[in-house]
Amino acid sequence: MINIRRSNERGGGDYGWLNTKHTFSFDRYYDPRFMSFRSLRVINEDWVAPGEGFPLHPHRDMEIITYVLEGALEHKDSLGTGAVILPGDGQRMSAGTGIRHSEFNHSMRDPVHLLQIWIMPDKQGHTPGYEQKSFPEEQKQGKMRVIASPDGRDGSVTIHQDTKLYVSLLKRGEEAKHELAKGRAAWLQVANRRPPTDHSEKAGHAPHAQAPQAVPDEGRLGLEQRAFLALFGVVFLATGALRRVAPVVARSGCERVVRLAAREQEQPERKR
């Protein structure tokens, strides 16, 4: 069974300095149907205005992965880390017993477009940590490239959970496939790397879509880039075991092809 989460069904809002879309319940957005997916708790797609951002704020007991699509994001934290996250970088912050950090658009001229992904850890009380690696486009073009895993395989950043995060860049006509092992499920997130050019796109009408919530156990997940997406589609695939909630029942050994499709306040506190 594959369940679709449409782009324009997400929560969030446009607050001037921040335009944000929440795939799962977050902050003032609440939908009991979309609280999490296995250990995947948050996927926020953000556009942050030049020079704006989130001042120092705390986290604990969460694996937080930031992936910049366009622009540059400046990160500072209580561990003493100071870094700029660029497009294609995989950044992981393990909040563990407690960490404070800030995130700001590094540019005073251009917006920054990013996804922030929160994964619940395998246990509470890990030592806080930070890791950042660069993954060149050629490693992701037309294929699935693991950027986060519990064992740091293939040079990925390490997370405290039995989950893997893959990224793929697809041009027109390209297709990538991923085999799901027995007992695994996947969430597929699709974004267009083109930043919003007007208010309608910032408000969530840009040509990107949220894709499967549930993907078959022991199935093959296929991704095909359709012709109307002129620019890169960026595909995030999170796979994990089914132990946190009841397993999804589906035919085994089947093949699914997921086609990327274009679908169609109150000021928030500046914190995550």
C-alpha atoms as a PDB file:
ATOM      1  CA  MET A   1       0.000   0.000   0.000  1.00  0.00           C
ATOM      2  CA  ILE A   2       1.256   3.465  -0.904  1.00  0.00           C
ATOM      3  CA  ASN A   3      -0.252   6.526   0.746  1.00  0.00           C
ATOM      4  CA  ILE A   4       0.292   9.955  -0.812  1.00  0.00           C
ATOM      5  CA  ARG A   5       0.877  13.143   1.173  1.00  0.00           C
ATOM      6  CA  ARG A   6       0.172  16.059  -1.192  1.00  0.00           C
ATOM      7  CA  SER A   7       2.356  19.152  -1.129  1.00  0.00           C
ATOM      8  CA  ASN A   8      -0.537  21.573  -0.660  1.00  0.00           C
ATOM      9  CA  GLU A   9      -1.918  19.558   2.278  1.00  0.00           C
ATOM     10  CA  ARG A  10       1.067  20.316   4.481  1.00  0.00           C
ATOM     11  CA  GLY A  11       0.981  22.694   7.427  1.00  0.00           C
ATOM     12  CA  GLY A  12       3.102  25.775   7.994  1.00  0.00           C
ATOM     13  CA  GLY A  13       2.801  29.297   6.640  1.00  0.00           C
ATOM     14  CA  ASP A  14       4.482  32.342   5.123  1.00  0.00           C
ATOM     15  CA  TYR A  15       5.708  34.771   7.797  1.00  0.00           C
ATOM     16  CA  GLY A  16       7.810  37.050   5.614  1.00  0.00           C
ATOM     17  CA  TRP A  17      11.209  36.138   7.048  1.00  0.00           C
ATOM     18  CA  LEU A  18      10.275  32.441   6.897  1.00  0.00           C
ATOM     19  CA  ASN A  19       8.144  30.377   4.541  1.00  0.00           C
ATOM     20  CA  THR A  20       7.760  26.861   5.905  1.00  0.00           C
ATOM     21  CA  LYS A  21       5.919  23.652   5.062  1.00  0.00           C
ATOM     22  CA  HIS A  22       5.452  20.903   7.670  1.00  0.00           C
ATOM     23  CA  THR A  23       4.933  17.351   6.432  1.00  0.00           C
ATOM     24  CA  PHE A  24       4.187  16.169   9.990  1.00  0.00           C
ATOM     25  CA  SER A  25       2.563  17.907  12.958  1.00  0.00           C
ATOM     26  CA  PHE A  26       4.922  20.601  14.192  1.00  0.00           C
ATOM     27  CA  ASP A  27       4.743  23.770  16.288  1.00  0.00           C
ATOM     28  CA  ARG A  28       1.219  25.251  15.813  1.00  0.00           C
ATOM     29  CA  TYR A  29       0.321  22.765  13.058  1.00  0.00           C
ATOM     30  CA  TYR A  30      -1.410  19.631  14.316  1.00  0.00           C
ATOM     31  CA  ASP A  31      -2.920  16.780  12.305  1.00  0.00           C
ATOM     32  CA  PRO A  32      -3.402  13.477  14.174  1.00  0.00           C
ATOM     33  CA  ARG A  33      -3.120  11.614  10.850  1.00  0.00           C
ATOM     34  CA  PHE A  34       0.414  12.878  10.342  1.00  0.00           C
ATOM     35  CA  MET A  35       2.337  12.756  13.588  1.00  0.00           C
ATOM     36  CA  SER A  36       5.312  10.716  12.387  1.00  0.00           C
ATOM     37  CA  PHE A  37       6.332   7.782  10.222  1.00  0.00           C
ATOM     38  CA  ARG A  38       8.082   5.084  12.276  1.00  0.00           C
ATOM     39  CA  SER A  39      11.120   6.894  13.740  1.00  0.00           C
ATOM     40  CA  LEU A  40      10.779   9.794  11.273  1.00  0.00           C
ATOM     41  CA  ARG A  41       9.251  12.663  13.271  1.00  0.00           C
ATOM     42  CA  VAL A  42       9.753  15.883  11.278  1.00  0.00           C
ATOM     43  CA  ILE A  43      10.294  16.960   7.684  1.00  0.00           C
ATOM     44  CA  ASN A  44      10.157  20.725   7.345  1.00  0.00           C
ATOM     45  CA  GLU A  45      10.802  22.465   4.030  1.00  0.00           C
ATOM     46  CA  ASP A  46      11.944  26.028   4.710  1.00  0.00           C
ATOM     47  CA  TRP A  47      12.753  29.150   2.726  1.00  0.00           C
ATOM     48  CA  VAL A  48      14.573  31.638   4.982  1.00  0.00           C
ATOM     49  CA  ALA A  49      14.945  35.268   3.917  1.00  0.00           C
ATOM     50  CA  PRO A  50      18.418  36.846   3.554  1.00  0.00           C
ATOM     51  CA  GLY A  51      20.089  37.488   6.906  1.00  0.00           C
ATOM     52  CA  GLU A  52      17.225  35.926   8.861  1.00  0.00           C
ATOM     53  CA  GLY A  53      17.064  32.751  10.900  1.00  0.00           C
ATOM     54  CA  PHE A  54      16.556  31.016  14.222  1.00  0.00           C
ATOM     55  CA  PRO A  55      18.474  32.342  17.249  1.00  0.00           C
ATOM     56  CA  LEU A  56      19.984  30.074  19.877  1.00  0.00           C
ATOM     57  CA  HIS A  57      17.459  27.484  21.097  1.00  0.00           C
ATOM     58  CA  PRO A  58      17.627  24.042  22.788  1.00  0.00           C
ATOM     59  CA  HIS A  59      17.000  20.453  21.654  1.00  0.00           C
ATOM     60  CA  ARG A  60      17.367  17.067  23.296  1.00  0.00           C
ATOM     61  CA  ASP A  61      16.970  13.390  22.331  1.00  0.00           C
ATOM     62  CA  MET A  62      16.607  13.871  18.582  1.00  0.00           C
ATOM     63  CA  GLU A  63      18.730  13.149  15.497  1.00  0.00           C
ATOM     64  CA  ILE A  64      18.461  16.292  13.339  1.00  0.00           C
ATOM     65  CA  ILE A  65      19.574  16.250   9.709  1.00  0.00           C
ATOM     66  CA  THR A  66      19.732  19.412   7.607  1.00  0.00           C
ATOM     67  CA  TYR A  67      20.014  19.312   3.819  1.00  0.00           C
ATOM     68  CA  VAL A  68      20.387  22.593   1.915  1.00  0.00           C
ATOM     69  CA  LEU A  69      18.829  22.718  -1.552  1.00  0.00           C
ATOM     70  CA  GLU A  70      19.784  26.281  -2.498  1.00  0.00           C
ATOM     71  CA  GLY A  71      21.822  28.926  -0.721  1.00  0.00           C
ATOM     72  CA  ALA A  72      23.878  28.533   2.457  1.00  0.00           C
ATOM     73  CA  LEU A  73      22.912  28.032   6.105  1.00  0.00           C
ATOM     74  CA  GLU A  74      25.145  29.120   8.987  1.00  0.00           C
ATOM     75  CA  HIS A  75      25.138  26.853  12.051  1.00  0.00           C
ATOM     76  CA  LYS A  76      26.516  27.484  15.542  1.00  0.00           C
ATOM     77  CA  ASP A  77      26.010  25.342  18.639  1.00  0.00           C
ATOM     78  CA  SER A  78      26.920  24.932  22.289  1.00  0.00           C
ATOM     79  CA  LEU A  79      29.548  22.316  21.406  1.00  0.00           C
ATOM     80  CA  GLY A  80      31.572  25.122  19.848  1.00  0.00           C
ATOM     81  CA  THR A  81      30.731  24.160  16.283  1.00  0.00           C
ATOM     82  CA  GLY A  82      30.637  26.898  13.683  1.00  0.00           C
ATOM     83  CA  ALA A  83      29.889  25.806  10.137  1.00  0.00           C
ATOM     84  CA  VAL A  84      28.226  26.810   6.883  1.00  0.00           C
ATOM     85  CA  ILE A  85      26.043  24.138   5.282  1.00  0.00           C
ATOM     86  CA  LEU A  86      26.130  24.242   1.480  1.00  0.00           C
ATOM     87  CA  PRO A  87      23.944  22.525  -1.141  1.00  0.00           C
ATOM     88  CA  GLY A  88      24.662  18.803  -1.181  1.00  0.00           C
ATOM     89  CA  ASP A  89      26.117  18.684   2.332  1.00  0.00           C
ATOM     90  CA  GLY A  90      24.711  16.222   4.832  1.00  0.00           C
ATOM     91  CA  GLN A  91      24.685  17.698   8.338  1.00  0.00           C
ATOM     92  CA  ARG A  92      23.730  15.709  11.433  1.00  0.00           C
ATOM     93  CA  MET A  93      23.292  17.051  14.932  1.00  0.00           C
ATOM     94  CA  SER A  94      22.616  14.549  17.715  1.00  0.00           C
ATOM     95  CA  ALA A  95      20.823  16.490  20.444  1.00  0.00           C
ATOM     96  CA  GLY A  96      21.182  13.719  23.028  1.00  0.00           C
ATOM     97  CA  THR A  97      21.251  14.949  26.632  1.00  0.00           C
ATOM     98  CA  GLY A  98      20.921  18.526  25.431  1.00  0.00           C
ATOM     99  CA  ILE A  99      22.321  20.992  22.912  1.00  0.00           C
ATOM    100  CA  ARG A 100      21.678  24.604  21.924  1.00  0.00           C
ATOM    101  CA  HIS A 101      22.149  25.865  18.392  1.00  0.00           C
ATOM    102  CA  SER A 102      21.298  28.675  15.994  1.00  0.00           C
ATOM    103  CA  GLU A 103      20.651  28.652  12.239  1.00  0.00           C
ATOM    104  CA  PHE A 104      20.803  31.710  10.006  1.00  0.00           C
ATOM    105  CA  ASN A 105      20.816  32.402   6.304  1.00  0.00           C
ATOM    106  CA  HIS A 106      24.494  32.992   5.566  1.00  0.00           C
ATOM    107  CA  SER A 107      23.647  35.428   2.757  1.00  0.00           C
ATOM    108  CA  MET A 108      22.374  39.001   3.085  1.00  0.00           C
ATOM    109  CA  ARG A 109      21.158  38.876  -0.529  1.00  0.00           C
ATOM    110  CA  ASP A 110      19.729  35.458  -1.400  1.00  0.00           C
ATOM    111  CA  PRO A 111      17.211  33.185   0.370  1.00  0.00           C
ATOM    112  CA  VAL A 112      18.207  29.738   1.598  1.00  0.00           C
ATOM    113  CA  HIS A 113      16.011  26.710   0.781  1.00  0.00           C
ATOM    114  CA  LEU A 114      16.448  23.647   2.964  1.00  0.00           C
ATOM    115  CA  LEU A 115      14.885  20.562   4.441  1.00  0.00           C
ATOM    116  CA  GLN A 116      15.265  19.729   8.099  1.00  0.00           C
ATOM    117  CA  ILE A 117      14.588  16.138   9.120  1.00  0.00           C
ATOM    118  CA  TRP A 118      14.164  14.897  12.678  1.00  0.00           C
ATOM    119  CA  ILE A 119      14.596  11.222  13.522  1.00  0.00           C
ATOM    120  CA  MET A 120      13.781   9.816  16.965  1.00  0.00           C
ATOM    121  CA  PRO A 121      16.882   8.084  18.409  1.00  0.00           C
ATOM    122  CA  ASP A 122      17.069   4.466  19.490  1.00  0.00           C
ATOM    123  CA  LYS A 123      17.294   5.558  23.130  1.00  0.00           C
ATOM    124  CA  GLN A 124      17.447   8.684  25.239  1.00  0.00           C
ATOM    125  CA  GLY A 125      20.581  10.166  26.712  1.00  0.00           C
ATOM    126  CA  HIS A 126      23.121   9.961  23.879  1.00  0.00           C
ATOM    127  CA  THR A 127      26.110  12.270  24.033  1.00  0.00           C
ATOM    128  CA  PRO A 128      25.442  15.356  21.882  1.00  0.00           C
ATOM    129  CA  GLY A 129      27.391  15.416  18.647  1.00  0.00           C
ATOM    130  CA  TYR A 130      27.822  17.093  15.271  1.00  0.00           C
ATOM    131  CA  GLU A 131      28.880  15.771  11.875  1.00  0.00           C
ATOM    132  CA  GLN A 132      28.912  17.304   8.392  1.00  0.00           C
ATOM    133  CA  LYS A 133      30.004  15.792   5.082  1.00  0.00           C
ATOM    134  CA  SER A 134      29.796  16.800   1.442  1.00  0.00           C
ATOM    135  CA  PHE A 135      28.165  14.483  -1.111  1.00  0.00           C
ATOM    136  CA  PRO A 136      29.022  15.496  -4.699  1.00  0.00           C
ATOM    137  CA  GLU A 137      26.224  15.621  -7.272  1.00  0.00           C
ATOM    138  CA  GLU A 138      27.757  12.872  -9.390  1.00  0.00           C
ATOM    139  CA  GLN A 139      27.243  10.445  -6.481  1.00  0.00           C
ATOM    140  CA  LYS A 140      23.490  11.220  -6.431  1.00  0.00           C
ATOM    141  CA  GLN A 141      22.647  11.853 -10.076  1.00  0.00           C
ATOM    142  CA  GLY A 142      20.252   9.152 -11.259  1.00  0.00           C
ATOM    143  CA  LYS A 143      20.989   6.908  -8.278  1.00  0.00           C
ATOM    144  CA  MET A 144      20.294   6.554  -4.570  1.00  0.00           C
ATOM    145  CA  ARG A 145      23.132   7.824  -2.376  1.00  0.00           C
ATOM    146  CA  VAL A 146      23.009   7.031   1.340  1.00  0.00           C
ATOM    147  CA  ILE A 147      23.855  10.167   3.354  1.00  0.00           C
ATOM    148  CA  ALA A 148      22.874   9.007   6.870  1.00  0.00           C
ATOM    149  CA  SER A 149      22.921   5.552   8.461  1.00  0.00           C
ATOM    150  CA  PRO A 150      23.430   3.887  11.860  1.00  0.00           C
ATOM    151  CA  ASP A 151      26.876   2.591  10.905  1.00  0.00           C
ATOM    152  CA  GLY A 152      28.207   5.409   8.729  1.00  0.00           C
ATOM    153  CA  ARG A 153      28.275   3.137   5.696  1.00  0.00           C
ATOM    154  CA  ASP A 154      29.728   4.421   2.430  1.00  0.00           C
ATOM    155  CA  GLY A 155      30.942   7.596   4.099  1.00  0.00           C
ATOM    156  CA  SER A 156      27.501   8.693   5.328  1.00  0.00           C
ATOM    157  CA  VAL A 157      26.941  10.631   8.546  1.00  0.00           C
ATOM    158  CA  THR A 158      26.082   8.440  11.536  1.00  0.00           C
ATOM    159  CA  ILE A 159      22.722   8.510  13.331  1.00  0.00           C
ATOM    160  CA  HIS A 160      21.496   6.753  16.467  1.00  0.00           C
ATOM    161  CA  GLN A 161      18.641   4.838  14.846  1.00  0.00           C
ATOM    162  CA  ASP A 162      18.071   1.830  12.590  1.00  0.00           C
ATOM    163  CA  THR A 163      17.196   4.121   9.693  1.00  0.00           C
ATOM    164  CA  LYS A 164      18.912   5.132   6.472  1.00  0.00           C
ATOM    165  CA  LEU A 165      18.448   8.345   4.548  1.00  0.00           C
ATOM    166  CA  TYR A 166      19.087   8.386   0.803  1.00  0.00           C
ATOM    167  CA  VAL A 167      19.181  11.277  -1.660  1.00  0.00           C
ATOM    168  CA  SER A 168      18.794  11.142  -5.428  1.00  0.00           C
ATOM    169  CA  LEU A 169      18.924  13.851  -8.100  1.00  0.00           C
ATOM    170  CA  LEU A 170      16.746  13.074 -11.100  1.00  0.00           C
ATOM    171  CA  LYS A 171      16.673  14.833 -14.464  1.00  0.00           C
ATOM    172  CA  ARG A 172      13.942  14.411 -17.040  1.00  0.00           C
ATOM    173  CA  GLY A 173      13.525  10.788 -18.051  1.00  0.00           C
ATOM    174  CA  GLU A 174      15.820   9.465 -15.314  1.00  0.00           C
ATOM    175  CA  GLU A 175      14.749   6.646 -13.014  1.00  0.00           C
ATOM    176  CA  ALA A 176      16.232   5.265  -9.820  1.00  0.00           C
ATOM    177  CA  LYS A 177      15.189   2.162  -7.888  1.00  0.00           C
ATOM    178  CA  HIS A 178      15.738   0.944  -4.371  1.00  0.00           C
ATOM    179  CA  GLU A 179      15.131  -2.548  -3.013  1.00  0.00           C
ATOM    180  CA  LEU A 180      13.380  -2.680   0.358  1.00  0.00           C
ATOM    181  CA  ALA A 181      14.482  -5.544   2.565  1.00  0.00           C
ATOM    182  CA  LYS A 182      12.008  -7.636   4.509  1.00  0.00           C
ATOM    183  CA  GLY A 183      10.609  -5.804   7.501  1.00  0.00           C
ATOM    184  CA  ARG A 184      11.524  -2.358   6.171  1.00  0.00           C
ATOM    185  CA  ALA A 185       9.303   0.545   5.154  1.00  0.00           C
ATOM    186  CA  ALA A 186      10.090   3.824   3.425  1.00  0.00           C
ATOM    187  CA  TRP A 187       8.986   7.431   3.306  1.00  0.00           C
ATOM    188  CA  LEU A 188       9.724   9.279   0.086  1.00  0.00           C
ATOM    189  CA  GLN A 189       9.991  13.084   0.037  1.00  0.00           C
ATOM    190  CA  VAL A 190      10.264  15.004  -3.209  1.00  0.00           C
ATOM    191  CA  ALA A 191      11.418  18.598  -3.600  1.00  0.00           C
ATOM    192  CA  ASN A 192      12.372  20.832  -6.483  1.00  0.00           C
ATOM    193  CA  ARG A 193      15.677  22.601  -6.069  1.00  0.00           C
ATOM    194  CA  ARG A 194      14.362  25.719  -7.770  1.00  0.00           C
ATOM    195  CA  PRO A 195      13.787  28.377  -5.092  1.00  0.00           C
ATOM    196  CA  PRO A 196      10.411  30.153  -5.046  1.00  0.00           C
ATOM    197  CA  THR A 197      10.208  33.101  -7.467  1.00  0.00           C
ATOM    198  CA  ASP A 198       6.898  34.596  -6.373  1.00  0.00           C
ATOM    199  CA  HIS A 199       4.393  34.428  -3.532  1.00  0.00           C
ATOM    200  CA  SER A 200       2.336  31.627  -5.099  1.00  0.00           C
ATOM    201  CA  GLU A 201       5.325  29.300  -5.187  1.00  0.00           C
ATOM    202  CA  LYS A 202       6.435  30.308  -1.701  1.00  0.00           C
ATOM    203  CA  ALA A 203       2.971  29.469  -0.473  1.00  0.00           C
ATOM    204  CA  GLY A 204       3.349  25.868  -1.533  1.00  0.00           C
ATOM    205  CA  HIS A 205       2.335  25.842  -5.175  1.00  0.00           C
ATOM    206  CA  ALA A 206       5.828  25.254  -6.493  1.00  0.00           C
ATOM    207  CA  PRO A 207       6.261  22.093  -8.594  1.00  0.00           C
ATOM    208  CA  HIS A 208       7.211  19.677  -5.856  1.00  0.00           C
ATOM    209  CA  ALA A 209       5.228  16.919  -4.217  1.00  0.00           C
ATOM    210  CA  GLN A 210       5.236  14.810  -1.116  1.00  0.00           C
ATOM    211  CA  ALA A 211       5.330  11.170  -2.069  1.00  0.00           C
ATOM    212  CA  PRO A 212       4.662   7.781  -0.444  1.00  0.00           C
ATOM    213  CA  GLN A 213       4.061   7.526   3.242  1.00  0.00           C
ATOM    214  CA  ALA A 214       3.951   3.736   3.122  1.00  0.00           C
ATOM    215  CA  VAL A 215       5.978   1.658   0.686  1.00  0.00           C
ATOM    216  CA  PRO A 216       5.664  -2.143   0.393  1.00  0.00           C
ATOM    217  CA  ASP A 217       7.525  -4.523   2.648  1.00  0.00           C
ATOM    218  CA  GLU A 218      10.009  -6.517   0.528  1.00  0.00           C
ATOM    219  CA  GLY A 219       9.138  -4.366  -2.484  1.00  0.00           C
ATOM    220  CA  ARG A 220      11.007  -2.366  -5.066  1.00  0.00           C
ATOM    221  CA  LEU A 221      10.609   1.366  -5.005  1.00  0.00           C
ATOM    222  CA  GLY A 222      11.003   3.072  -8.366  1.00  0.00           C
ATOM    223  CA  LEU A 223      11.364   6.791  -8.994  1.00  0.00           C
ATOM    224  CA  GLU A 224      10.788   8.351 -12.382  1.00  0.00           C
ATOM    225  CA  GLN A 225      11.352  12.009 -13.238  1.00  0.00           C
ATOM    226  CA  ARG A 226       8.544  13.297 -15.450  1.00  0.00           C
ATOM    227  CA  ALA A 227       9.080  15.717 -18.289  1.00  0.00           C
ATOM    228  CA  PHE A 228       7.281  18.688 -16.751  1.00  0.00           C
ATOM    229  CA  LEU A 229       9.883  18.990 -13.992  1.00  0.00           C
ATOM    230  CA  ALA A 230      12.454  20.939 -15.960  1.00  0.00           C
ATOM    231  CA  LEU A 231      14.927  21.202 -13.094  1.00  0.00           C
ATOM    232  CA  PHE A 232      16.334  18.626 -10.735  1.00  0.00           C
ATOM    233  CA  GLY A 233      13.951  16.741  -8.507  1.00  0.00           C
ATOM    234  CA  VAL A 234      15.582  15.968  -5.172  1.00  0.00           C
ATOM    235  CA  VAL A 235      14.378  12.716  -3.657  1.00  0.00           C
ATOM    236  CA  PHE A 236      14.816  11.852   0.014  1.00  0.00           C
ATOM    237  CA  LEU A 237      14.184   8.245   0.991  1.00  0.00           C
ATOM    238  CA  ALA A 238      14.071   7.286   4.662  1.00  0.00           C
ATOM    239  CA  THR A 239      13.949   3.544   5.329  1.00  0.00           C
ATOM    240  CA  GLY A 240      13.477   1.925   8.692  1.00  0.00           C
ATOM    241  CA  ALA A 241      12.286  -1.098  10.616  1.00  0.00           C
ATOM    242  CA  LEU A 242       8.611  -1.476  11.467  1.00  0.00           C
ATOM    243  CA  ARG A 243       8.946  -1.926  15.203  1.00  0.00           C
ATOM    244  CA  ARG A 244       7.727   1.484  16.404  1.00  0.00           C
ATOM    245  CA  VAL A 245       4.173   1.064  15.096  1.00  0.00           C
ATOM    246  CA  ALA A 246       2.093  -1.748  13.600  1.00  0.00           C
ATOM    247  CA  PRO A 247       3.590  -2.946  10.306  1.00  0.00           C
ATOM    248  CA  VAL A 248       2.068  -2.034   6.970  1.00  0.00           C
ATOM    249  CA  VAL A 249       0.688  -5.126   5.265  1.00  0.00           C
ATOM    250  CA  ALA A 250       1.413  -5.313   1.546  1.00  0.00           C
ATOM    251  CA  ARG A 251       2.186  -7.826  -1.154  1.00  0.00           C
ATOM    252  CA  SER A 252       5.808  -8.926  -1.099  1.00  0.00           C
ATOM    253  CA  GLY A 253       8.014  -8.995  -4.156  1.00  0.00           C
ATOM    254  CA  CYS A 254       5.977  -6.370  -5.969  1.00  0.00           C
ATOM    255  CA  GLU A 255       7.356  -3.436  -7.942  1.00  0.00           C
ATOM    256  CA  ARG A 256       6.017   0.079  -7.551  1.00  0.00           C
ATOM    257  CA  VAL A 257       6.896   3.021  -9.788  1.00  0.00           C
ATOM    258  CA  VAL A 258       6.263   6.343  -8.116  1.00  0.00           C
ATOM    259  CA  ARG A 259       5.897   9.155 -10.634  1.00  0.00           C
ATOM    260  CA  LEU A 260       6.834  12.613  -9.443  1.00  0.00           C
ATOM    261  CA  ALA A 261       3.849  14.923  -9.909  1.00  0.00           C
ATOM    262  CA  ALA A 262       3.287  18.679  -9.592  1.00  0.00           C
ATOM    263  CA  ARG A 263       0.482  19.506  -7.172  1.00  0.00           C
ATOM    264  CA  GLU A 264      -0.644  22.063  -6.439  1.00  0.00           C
ATOM    265  CA  GLN A 265      -1.310  33.800  10.606  1.00  0.00           C
ATOM    266  CA  GLU A 266       0.158  34.009  13.250  1.00  0.00           C
ATOM    267  CA  GLN A 267       3.876  34.911  13.607  1.00  0.00           C
ATOM    268  CA  PRO A 268       5.810  31.831  14.832  1.00  0.00           C
ATOM    269  CA  GLU A 269       8.481  31.926  17.446  1.00  0.00           C
ATOM    270  CA  ARG A 270      11.912  31.733  15.891  1.00  0.00           C
ATOM    271  CA  LYS A 271      12.788  28.324  17.181  1.00  0.00           C
ATOM    272  CA  ARG A 272      12.721  24.690  16.078  1.00  0.00           C
END
